[in-house]
């Protein structure tokens, strides 16, 4: 009888832990993980560089991501991207912010419906960025996200990427646990 009673208590405790609501901050948190730089050759023989930026995102109230055609408005301005990225480069020993009207780095992370009791958004994002320019010294990227309530996340940065680097660069500090 005691074994059945203990087994029953164990099952109740195990099931209730599945129903426990997680409480995360409503302001998104991001955590840079790694960058992969690869070189490919197109059908015309041109060498192209691609960067895959990996980061984790956690939004406590789950209101993150854009559906097709979604935009946000802040102070009369239209916001059509929820992933905002800035590139920096070194030239003659000085650091500059990359400015371009033709090369747009920002992007859109899609909406995913929250599931279950915990209506938070937690994902690993892989952002593909063609590096359609040549650089002679190191580059670095800083980025953040905004949710649908215009809450801005923390800003994360890659490490400096040397011009001839191909491979994986991994961050050793993690904010969001796996």
Protein backbone atom coordinates (compact mmCIF):
# COMPACT_ATOMS: atom_id res chain seq x y z
CA UNK A 1 0.00 0.00 0.00
CA UNK A 2 2.83 2.40 0.87
CA UNK A 3 4.49 1.72 -2.49
CA UNK A 4 1.29 2.61 -4.38
CA UNK A 5 0.90 5.76 -2.27
CA UNK A 6 4.52 6.84 -2.90
CA UNK A 7 4.18 6.04 -6.60
CA UNK A 8 1.01 8.14 -6.75
CA UNK A 9 2.74 11.10 -5.01
CA UNK A 10 5.71 10.79 -7.37
CA UNK A 11 3.45 10.86 -10.45
CA UNK A 12 1.57 13.93 -9.15
CA UNK A 13 4.82 15.79 -8.44
CA UNK A 14 6.26 14.82 -11.86
CA UNK A 15 3.13 15.96 -13.71
CA UNK A 16 2.87 19.21 -11.78
CA UNK A 17 6.47 20.07 -12.68
CA UNK A 18 5.43 19.81 -16.36
CA UNK A 19 2.68 22.35 -15.72
CA UNK A 20 4.93 24.85 -13.91
CA UNK A 21 4.84 28.23 -15.57
CA UNK A 22 8.24 29.73 -16.38
CA UNK A 23 8.64 33.43 -15.64
CA UNK A 24 11.05 35.24 -17.91
CA UNK A 25 11.53 39.00 -18.42
CA UNK A 26 9.26 40.56 -21.06
CA UNK A 27 12.21 42.45 -22.54
CA UNK A 28 13.97 40.16 -25.04
CA UNK A 29 17.39 38.81 -24.16
CA UNK A 30 19.87 37.68 -26.79
CA UNK A 31 23.05 35.70 -26.45
CA UNK A 32 25.66 35.55 -29.21
CA UNK A 33 26.94 31.99 -29.74
CA UNK A 34 29.10 31.77 -32.85
CA UNK A 35 29.90 32.99 -36.31
CA UNK A 36 30.74 30.77 -39.26
CA UNK A 37 32.44 32.32 -42.28
CA UNK A 38 32.49 30.26 -45.46
CA UNK A 39 33.62 30.87 -49.01
CA UNK A 40 31.71 29.52 -51.98
CA UNK A 41 32.16 29.82 -55.73
CA UNK A 42 29.13 30.67 -57.85
CA UNK A 43 28.45 29.26 -61.32
CA UNK A 44 30.38 32.14 -62.89
CA UNK A 45 33.49 31.36 -60.85
CA UNK A 46 33.12 34.32 -58.48
CA UNK A 47 34.28 33.77 -54.91
CA UNK A 48 31.60 34.78 -52.39
CA UNK A 49 31.77 35.02 -48.61
CA UNK A 50 28.87 34.11 -46.33
CA UNK A 51 28.56 34.62 -42.62
CA UNK A 52 26.17 32.62 -40.46
CA UNK A 53 25.51 34.40 -37.17
CA UNK A 54 24.14 32.14 -34.42
CA UNK A 55 22.45 33.58 -31.35
CA UNK A 56 19.82 32.63 -28.80
CA UNK A 57 16.78 34.71 -28.04
CA UNK A 58 14.40 34.64 -25.10
CA UNK A 59 11.28 36.82 -24.88
CA UNK A 60 9.24 36.25 -21.72
CA UNK A 61 5.82 37.19 -23.03
CA UNK A 62 6.18 35.50 -26.42
CA UNK A 63 5.29 38.54 -28.51
CA UNK A 64 8.30 38.30 -30.77
CA UNK A 65 8.55 37.87 -34.52
CA UNK A 66 6.96 39.22 -37.65
CA UNK A 67 4.29 37.66 -39.80
CA UNK A 68 4.46 38.45 -43.53
CA UNK A 69 3.82 42.13 -44.10
CA UNK A 70 3.97 43.08 -40.39
CA UNK A 71 5.44 46.41 -39.39
CA UNK A 72 5.68 48.33 -36.14
CA UNK A 73 5.34 52.05 -35.55
CA UNK A 74 7.31 54.19 -33.12
CA UNK A 75 7.03 57.98 -32.97
CA UNK A 76 5.60 58.05 -36.51
CA UNK A 77 8.44 55.91 -37.91
CA UNK A 78 7.79 52.59 -39.59
CA UNK A 79 9.85 49.68 -38.30
CA UNK A 80 9.94 46.80 -40.77
CA UNK A 81 12.85 44.81 -39.26
CA UNK A 82 13.09 43.29 -35.80
CA UNK A 83 16.75 42.26 -36.11
CA UNK A 84 19.07 45.27 -36.26
CA UNK A 85 22.76 44.85 -36.97
CA UNK A 86 25.67 47.24 -37.37
CA UNK A 87 29.02 46.43 -38.92
CA UNK A 88 32.28 47.98 -37.81
CA UNK A 89 35.62 47.80 -39.59
CA UNK A 90 39.20 48.76 -38.93
CA UNK A 91 41.00 50.99 -41.41
CA UNK A 92 44.53 52.29 -40.74
CA UNK A 93 44.18 51.33 -37.09
CA UNK A 94 40.91 53.23 -36.53
CA UNK A 95 37.45 51.75 -35.97
CA UNK A 96 34.61 52.94 -38.24
CA UNK A 97 30.92 52.13 -38.54
CA UNK A 98 30.07 50.74 -41.96
CA UNK A 99 27.58 52.98 -43.80
CA UNK A 100 25.80 52.00 -47.00
CA UNK A 101 22.56 52.83 -48.77
CA UNK A 102 22.72 49.71 -50.92
CA UNK A 103 23.91 46.98 -48.52
CA UNK A 104 21.17 46.47 -45.95
CA UNK A 105 22.18 44.27 -43.04
CA UNK A 106 19.03 44.37 -40.87
CA UNK A 107 16.47 41.60 -41.15
CA UNK A 108 13.22 40.03 -40.03
CA UNK A 109 12.87 37.11 -37.64
CA UNK A 110 9.54 35.34 -38.25
CA UNK A 111 6.68 34.85 -35.82
CA UNK A 112 6.25 31.49 -34.10
CA UNK A 113 3.15 30.74 -32.06
CA UNK A 114 3.92 30.11 -28.38
CA UNK A 115 2.86 26.64 -27.27
CA UNK A 116 1.47 25.46 -23.93
CA UNK A 117 1.22 27.29 -20.63
CA UNK A 118 4.56 29.02 -21.06
CA UNK A 119 3.89 31.63 -23.71
CA UNK A 120 7.49 32.68 -24.05
CA UNK A 121 9.64 32.75 -27.18
CA UNK A 122 12.91 30.86 -26.93
CA UNK A 123 14.90 29.96 -30.01
CA UNK A 124 18.29 29.68 -31.62
CA UNK A 125 18.47 32.01 -34.61
CA UNK A 126 20.82 31.52 -37.54
CA UNK A 127 21.09 34.75 -39.51
CA UNK A 128 22.67 34.36 -42.96
CA UNK A 129 24.55 37.35 -44.22
CA UNK A 130 26.28 37.46 -47.60
CA UNK A 131 29.48 39.46 -47.32
CA UNK A 132 29.29 40.87 -50.83
CA UNK A 133 32.19 43.22 -50.33
CA UNK A 134 35.88 42.81 -49.74
CA UNK A 135 37.53 44.00 -46.60
CA UNK A 136 41.22 44.40 -45.95
CA UNK A 137 41.13 44.48 -42.18
CA UNK A 138 38.99 43.00 -39.43
CA UNK A 139 35.22 43.47 -39.19
CA UNK A 140 32.86 43.12 -36.25
CA UNK A 141 29.06 43.09 -35.89
CA UNK A 142 26.86 44.41 -33.07
CA UNK A 143 23.19 43.50 -33.03
CA UNK A 144 19.97 43.57 -31.06
CA UNK A 145 16.31 42.66 -31.55
CA UNK A 146 13.01 44.37 -30.76
CA UNK A 147 9.77 42.64 -29.87
CA UNK A 148 6.26 43.60 -30.93
CA UNK A 149 5.87 45.95 -27.93
CA UNK A 150 9.05 47.77 -29.08
CA UNK A 151 11.06 46.40 -26.15
CA UNK A 152 14.72 46.47 -27.18
CA UNK A 153 16.97 43.58 -26.19
CA UNK A 154 20.48 43.80 -24.88
CA UNK A 155 23.15 44.38 -27.55
CA UNK A 156 25.57 41.59 -28.39
CA UNK A 157 28.68 41.66 -30.57
CA UNK A 158 30.79 39.23 -32.48
CA UNK A 159 34.50 39.19 -31.98
CA UNK A 160 36.72 40.81 -34.62
CA UNK A 161 36.78 38.69 -37.78
CA UNK A 162 40.08 38.83 -39.70
CA UNK A 163 39.82 39.36 -43.49
CA UNK A 164 41.18 35.96 -44.52
CA UNK A 165 39.36 33.97 -41.85
CA UNK A 166 37.23 30.99 -42.87
CA UNK A 167 35.78 28.81 -40.15
CA UNK A 168 34.01 29.05 -36.78
CA UNK A 169 34.46 31.68 -34.07
CA UNK A 170 32.72 30.78 -30.79
CA UNK A 171 31.84 33.05 -27.89
CA UNK A 172 32.86 31.67 -24.50
CA UNK A 173 30.33 33.61 -22.39
CA UNK A 174 26.68 32.55 -22.26
CA UNK A 175 23.82 34.64 -20.85
CA UNK A 176 20.92 32.30 -21.56
CA UNK A 177 21.38 28.75 -20.35
CA UNK A 178 20.80 25.92 -22.82
